[in-house]
Amino acid sequence: MFYTAWSVEDHACFPVPEDGRFGMPLDQSCLYATVERAVSCR
């Protein structure tokens, strides 16, 4: 099972930050999508 999470950060998407993460420009913000594997805590 996988999940998708969205976050908006208050900075421009370009230039690409040192961590290499890039997103979609939204006015003066940057929209990031994260897709990860869901893990059970049991």
C-alpha atoms as a PDB file:
ATOM      1  CA  MET A   1       0.000   0.000   0.000  1.00  0.00           C
ATOM      2  CA  PHE A   2       1.240   3.499  -0.837  1.00  0.00           C
ATOM      3  CA  TYR A   3       0.139   6.970   0.180  1.00  0.00           C
ATOM      4  CA  THR A   4       0.454  10.436  -1.344  1.00  0.00           C
ATOM      5  CA  ALA A   5       0.980  13.585   0.721  1.00  0.00           C
ATOM      6  CA  TRP A   6       0.994  17.176  -0.526  1.00  0.00           C
ATOM      7  CA  SER A   7       2.768  20.151   1.014  1.00  0.00           C
ATOM      8  CA  VAL A   8       3.171  23.803   0.068  1.00  0.00           C
ATOM      9  CA  GLU A   9       6.299  25.684   1.075  1.00  0.00           C
ATOM     10  CA  ASP A  10       6.751  29.455   0.935  1.00  0.00           C
ATOM     11  CA  HIS A  11       9.721  29.684  -1.409  1.00  0.00           C
ATOM     12  CA  ALA A  12      10.344  29.512  -5.140  1.00  0.00           C
ATOM     13  CA  CYS A  13      10.881  26.090  -6.745  1.00  0.00           C
ATOM     14  CA  PHE A  14      13.877  27.255  -8.750  1.00  0.00           C
ATOM     15  CA  PRO A  15      16.759  27.071  -8.450  1.00  0.00           C
ATOM     16  CA  VAL A  16      16.437  23.474  -7.245  1.00  0.00           C
ATOM     17  CA  PRO A  17      17.550  23.274  -3.589  1.00  0.00           C
ATOM     18  CA  GLU A  18      20.669  21.374  -2.498  1.00  0.00           C
ATOM     19  CA  ASP A  19      18.583  18.344  -1.413  1.00  0.00           C
ATOM     20  CA  GLY A  20      17.498  17.932  -5.066  1.00  0.00           C
ATOM     21  CA  ARG A  21      13.794  18.000  -4.257  1.00  0.00           C
ATOM     22  CA  PHE A  22      11.725  19.880  -6.810  1.00  0.00           C
ATOM     23  CA  GLY A  23       8.059  20.757  -7.057  1.00  0.00           C
ATOM     24  CA  MET A  24       5.475  22.587  -9.107  1.00  0.00           C
ATOM     25  CA  PRO A  25       5.499  26.400  -8.931  1.00  0.00           C
ATOM     26  CA  LEU A  26       2.387  27.987  -7.353  1.00  0.00           C
ATOM     27  CA  ASP A  27       2.618  31.803  -7.391  1.00  0.00           C
ATOM     28  CA  GLN A  28       5.495  32.504  -4.958  1.00  0.00           C
ATOM     29  CA  SER A  29       5.252  29.035  -3.358  1.00  0.00           C
ATOM     30  CA  CYS A  30       6.220  25.511  -4.309  1.00  0.00           C
ATOM     31  CA  LEU A  31       3.862  22.482  -4.246  1.00  0.00           C
ATOM     32  CA  TYR A  32       5.512  19.169  -3.367  1.00  0.00           C
ATOM     33  CA  ALA A  33       4.055  15.679  -3.737  1.00  0.00           C
ATOM     34  CA  THR A  34       5.384  12.786  -1.688  1.00  0.00           C
ATOM     35  CA  VAL A  35       4.623   9.165  -2.511  1.00  0.00           C
ATOM     36  CA  GLU A  36       5.761   6.622   0.075  1.00  0.00           C
ATOM     37  CA  ARG A  37       5.131   3.055   1.112  1.00  0.00           C
ATOM     38  CA  ALA A  38       2.770   2.711   4.068  1.00  0.00           C
ATOM     39  CA  VAL A  39       4.220   0.641   6.919  1.00  0.00           C
ATOM     40  CA  SER A  40       2.292  -1.032   9.712  1.00  0.00           C
ATOM     41  CA  CYS A  41       3.285  -0.205  13.310  1.00  0.00           C
ATOM     42  CA  ARG A  42       2.035  -3.501  14.721  1.00  0.00           C
END
